[in-house]
Amino acid sequence: MTDSANLIALYTDLHQFPELSFSEFRTAGIVASWLRESGFSVTEGVGTTGVVGVLHRGDGPVVWLRADMDGLPITENTGSVYSSKVPGVMHACGHDVHVTCLLGAARELSLRDDWRGTLVVIGQPAEEIAQGAAAMVNEGILGLVPLPDIVLGQHVSPLPVGTIGLTPGPMWAATDSLTITIYGRGGHGSRPETTVDPVVIAA
C-alpha cells in the first residue's frame, strides 16, 4: 500500500510551490522522480514541461492516467499553514490534488501484480490556458507510447472523504468558444421594421 503520510507530504509541498502554465519545471521533476522510483520508464519535456511514464506488464489493455500540473495567477489568502509560498500563484483549482492522486495511483499499481497490460501516466502542463494537451500531441506523445484503450482523468470535488463520484457518459461542465458573423441592415429609428438589427440577433 502507498503510505498516506508520503502523499500528504507530497500534496502539501505541491500546494506550497505552485507553478504557472508551461513553467511547471519543479512539479514535472517531482512527477518524473516519483515515476522512476516506481519502475516507470520516463520521458520529460514533452510539450515543454509534460511528463510521460510507461510501465509494461505483458499483454493487456493500454490505460492512460492523466493529471494537470499548473497553478493559477492568484494570490492565496486562505490562512492555511501550508499556503502558497510563491507570490501571486496558487493551486486554486486542485491540480496539486490531481498530481498527488495520479502519483499515488501509479505507485500503488506499480506495487501490485494482479493486473496485465500497459500503464501510461501523464503529467500535463498548461491546462489552465487550454494549451498543454495540444502541445504534448504536437511534440509527439502519440509516437512515444502505445495508443490507449482508455484514458482516465479526474477532478476533485467537495465530497465527503472516501467518496468517489462516477457516472456513465459525460460528467462535469466544459467551456468552448465559437465565432459568429452577423449581418445587419441600418435604417431610421422611426422605421425599425425596415432594418435588420444585429443587436437583437446577437441577443
Protein backbone atom coordinates (compact mmCIF):
# COMPACT_ATOMS: atom_id res chain seq x y z
CA MET A 1 0.00 0.00 0.00
CA THR A 2 1.10 3.55 -0.67
CA ASP A 3 1.98 5.42 2.52
CA SER A 4 -0.68 8.11 3.06
CA ALA A 5 1.79 10.24 5.02
CA ASN A 6 4.02 10.45 1.94
CA LEU A 7 1.05 11.50 -0.19
CA ILE A 8 0.02 14.17 2.32
CA ALA A 9 3.59 15.49 2.36
CA LEU A 10 3.63 15.47 -1.45
CA TYR A 11 0.33 17.37 -1.65
CA THR A 12 1.48 19.93 0.91
CA ASP A 13 4.71 20.52 -0.99
CA LEU A 14 2.94 20.89 -4.33
CA HIS A 15 0.45 23.33 -2.82
CA GLN A 16 3.20 25.47 -1.35
CA PHE A 17 5.15 25.70 -4.61
CA PRO A 18 2.67 26.15 -7.48
CA GLU A 19 3.86 26.99 -10.97
CA LEU A 20 2.11 28.71 -13.85
CA SER A 21 1.34 27.11 -17.21
CA PHE A 22 4.39 25.91 -19.15
CA SER A 23 6.57 26.79 -16.13
CA GLU A 24 5.90 23.59 -14.15
CA PHE A 25 9.58 22.58 -14.12
CA ARG A 26 9.77 21.79 -10.40
CA THR A 27 6.46 19.93 -10.44
CA ALA A 28 7.46 17.98 -13.55
CA GLY A 29 10.70 16.98 -11.84
CA ILE A 30 8.77 15.63 -8.87
CA VAL A 31 6.43 13.68 -11.16
CA ALA A 32 9.36 12.22 -13.10
CA SER A 33 11.19 11.26 -9.92
CA TRP A 34 8.17 9.50 -8.40
CA LEU A 35 7.53 7.57 -11.59
CA ARG A 36 11.15 6.46 -11.93
CA GLU A 37 11.18 5.33 -8.29
CA SER A 38 8.04 3.30 -9.10
CA GLY A 39 9.72 1.49 -12.02
CA PHE A 40 8.32 3.51 -14.93
CA SER A 41 10.36 4.48 -17.96
CA VAL A 42 10.06 8.26 -18.11
CA THR A 43 10.24 10.89 -20.83
CA GLU A 44 10.38 14.53 -19.77
CA GLY A 45 9.92 17.79 -21.64
CA VAL A 46 7.01 16.66 -23.82
CA GLY A 47 5.10 19.83 -24.65
CA THR A 48 7.65 21.93 -22.74
CA THR A 49 7.09 20.53 -19.23
CA GLY A 50 4.97 17.45 -19.80
CA VAL A 51 6.00 14.12 -18.29
CA VAL A 52 5.16 10.65 -19.62
CA GLY A 53 5.78 7.43 -17.71
CA VAL A 54 5.25 3.90 -19.04
CA LEU A 55 5.00 0.64 -17.12
CA HIS A 56 4.65 -2.58 -19.14
CA ARG A 57 3.13 -5.68 -17.55
CA GLY A 58 2.71 -8.01 -20.51
CA ASP A 59 -0.24 -8.37 -22.86
CA GLY A 60 -3.38 -6.47 -21.99
CA PRO A 61 -5.12 -3.14 -22.38
CA VAL A 62 -3.30 0.16 -22.60
CA VAL A 63 -4.56 2.57 -19.96
CA TRP A 64 -3.56 6.23 -19.77
CA LEU A 65 -3.88 8.09 -16.47
CA ARG A 66 -3.57 11.86 -16.74
CA ALA A 67 -3.38 14.81 -14.38
CA ASP A 68 -2.83 18.51 -14.97
CA MET A 69 0.00 20.24 -13.10
CA ASP A 70 -0.31 24.03 -13.41
CA GLY A 71 -1.48 26.59 -10.89
CA LEU A 72 -3.24 29.91 -11.36
CA PRO A 73 -2.09 33.55 -11.18
CA ILE A 74 -3.96 34.15 -7.92
CA THR A 75 -2.65 35.30 -4.55
CA GLU A 76 -3.56 32.79 -1.84
CA ASN A 77 -5.32 34.28 1.16
CA THR A 78 -6.65 31.15 2.83
CA GLY A 79 -4.64 31.35 6.04
CA SER A 80 -3.64 27.72 5.61
CA VAL A 81 -0.48 26.58 7.37
CA TYR A 82 0.73 25.29 4.00
CA SER A 83 -0.30 28.31 1.90
CA SER A 84 1.49 29.05 -1.33
CA LYS A 85 4.99 30.41 -0.88
CA VAL A 86 5.04 31.73 -4.45
CA PRO A 87 3.80 35.34 -4.62
CA GLY A 88 0.80 35.71 -6.89
CA VAL A 89 0.47 32.00 -7.72
CA MET A 90 -1.61 29.29 -6.07
CA HIS A 91 -3.25 25.94 -6.70
CA ALA A 92 -6.79 27.27 -6.65
CA CYS A 93 -8.20 24.59 -8.96
CA GLY A 94 -6.98 21.40 -7.33
CA HIS A 95 -4.16 20.41 -9.66
CA ASP A 96 -1.95 19.75 -6.63
CA VAL A 97 -4.51 17.15 -5.57
CA HIS A 98 -4.71 15.76 -9.11
CA VAL A 99 -0.93 15.23 -9.25
CA THR A 100 -0.89 13.67 -5.80
CA CYS A 101 -3.67 11.22 -6.70
CA LEU A 102 -2.01 10.40 -10.01
CA LEU A 103 1.33 9.59 -8.39
CA GLY A 104 -0.36 7.68 -5.58
CA ALA A 105 -2.25 5.55 -8.10
CA ALA A 106 0.91 4.99 -10.17
CA ARG A 107 2.88 3.92 -7.10
CA GLU A 108 0.10 1.64 -5.89
CA LEU A 109 -0.33 -0.02 -9.29
CA SER A 110 3.43 -0.50 -9.63
CA LEU A 111 3.43 -2.47 -6.38
CA ARG A 112 0.61 -4.81 -7.41
CA ASP A 113 0.97 -7.88 -9.59
CA ASP A 114 -2.73 -8.60 -10.18
CA TRP A 115 -3.02 -6.76 -13.50
CA ARG A 116 -1.63 -7.11 -17.02
CA GLY A 117 -1.24 -4.53 -19.75
CA THR A 118 0.49 -1.18 -20.14
CA LEU A 119 0.03 1.77 -17.83
CA VAL A 120 0.85 5.22 -19.21
CA VAL A 121 0.97 8.06 -16.69
CA ILE A 122 0.85 11.63 -18.00
CA GLY A 123 1.63 14.87 -16.18
CA GLN A 124 0.11 17.52 -18.44
CA PRO A 125 1.19 21.15 -18.41
CA ALA A 126 -0.83 24.28 -19.12
CA GLU A 127 -4.36 23.01 -18.66
CA GLU A 128 -5.45 26.36 -17.27
CA ILE A 129 -4.71 28.11 -20.56
CA ALA A 130 -6.03 25.18 -22.64
CA GLN A 131 -2.73 24.65 -24.47
CA GLY A 132 -0.89 21.83 -22.71
CA ALA A 133 -2.61 18.81 -24.23
CA ALA A 134 -2.18 20.19 -27.76
CA ALA A 135 1.48 20.93 -27.03
CA MET A 136 2.07 17.33 -25.95
CA VAL A 137 0.34 16.00 -29.07
CA ASN A 138 2.28 18.39 -31.29
CA GLU A 139 5.55 17.26 -29.73
CA GLY A 140 4.85 13.62 -30.45
CA ILE A 141 3.33 11.94 -27.41
CA LEU A 142 1.31 9.67 -29.69
CA GLY A 143 4.55 8.30 -31.12
CA LEU A 144 6.18 7.84 -27.72
CA VAL A 145 3.67 5.50 -26.13
CA PRO A 146 1.10 2.92 -27.21
CA LEU A 147 -2.28 4.33 -28.17
CA PRO A 148 -4.79 3.93 -25.35
CA ASP A 149 -7.74 1.64 -24.99
CA ILE A 150 -8.99 4.07 -22.37
CA VAL A 151 -7.89 7.42 -20.95
CA LEU A 152 -8.80 8.26 -17.37
CA GLY A 153 -8.65 11.75 -15.89
CA GLN A 154 -10.14 13.03 -12.69
CA HIS A 155 -11.36 16.12 -10.93
CA VAL A 156 -11.69 16.78 -7.25
CA SER A 157 -14.98 17.85 -5.71
CA PRO A 158 -16.09 18.73 -2.17
CA LEU A 159 -17.45 15.27 -1.43
CA PRO A 160 -17.02 13.50 1.91
CA VAL A 161 -13.70 11.75 2.48
CA GLY A 162 -13.74 8.28 0.96
CA THR A 163 -16.45 9.12 -1.59
CA ILE A 164 -15.96 8.65 -5.33
CA GLY A 165 -18.47 10.02 -7.83
CA LEU A 166 -18.97 8.09 -11.08
CA THR A 167 -21.41 8.27 -13.96
CA PRO A 168 -21.58 6.72 -17.43
CA GLY A 169 -21.01 9.23 -20.21
CA PRO A 170 -20.07 12.88 -19.87
CA MET A 171 -19.64 14.42 -16.43
CA TRP A 172 -18.94 17.97 -15.24
CA ALA A 173 -19.16 21.10 -17.31
CA ALA A 174 -16.87 22.33 -20.05
CA THR A 175 -16.33 25.56 -21.92
CA ASP A 176 -15.89 26.13 -25.61
CA SER A 177 -15.58 29.05 -28.00
CA LEU A 178 -17.16 29.86 -31.31
CA THR A 179 -17.16 32.80 -33.67
CA ILE A 180 -20.27 34.01 -35.45
CA THR A 181 -20.71 36.75 -38.05
CA ILE A 182 -23.95 38.72 -38.02
CA TYR A 183 -25.03 40.87 -40.94
CA GLY A 184 -27.40 43.72 -40.19
CA ARG A 185 -29.01 46.49 -42.19
CA GLY A 186 -29.20 50.02 -40.90
CA GLY A 187 -32.10 52.42 -41.05
CA HIS A 188 -34.02 55.02 -39.10
CA GLY A 189 -35.26 54.50 -35.59
CA SER A 190 -38.76 55.54 -36.67
CA ARG A 191 -38.98 52.58 -39.06
CA PRO A 192 -37.35 49.57 -37.29
CA GLU A 193 -39.33 47.20 -39.49
CA THR A 194 -37.12 48.21 -42.44
CA THR A 195 -33.87 47.38 -40.62
CA VAL A 196 -32.08 44.22 -39.54
CA ASP A 197 -30.88 44.93 -36.02
CA PRO A 198 -27.68 42.94 -35.29
CA VAL A 199 -28.03 43.62 -31.56
CA VAL A 200 -31.34 41.79 -31.41
CA ILE A 201 -29.94 38.92 -33.48
CA ALA A 202 -26.86 38.63 -31.26
CA ALA A 203 -29.01 38.64 -28.12
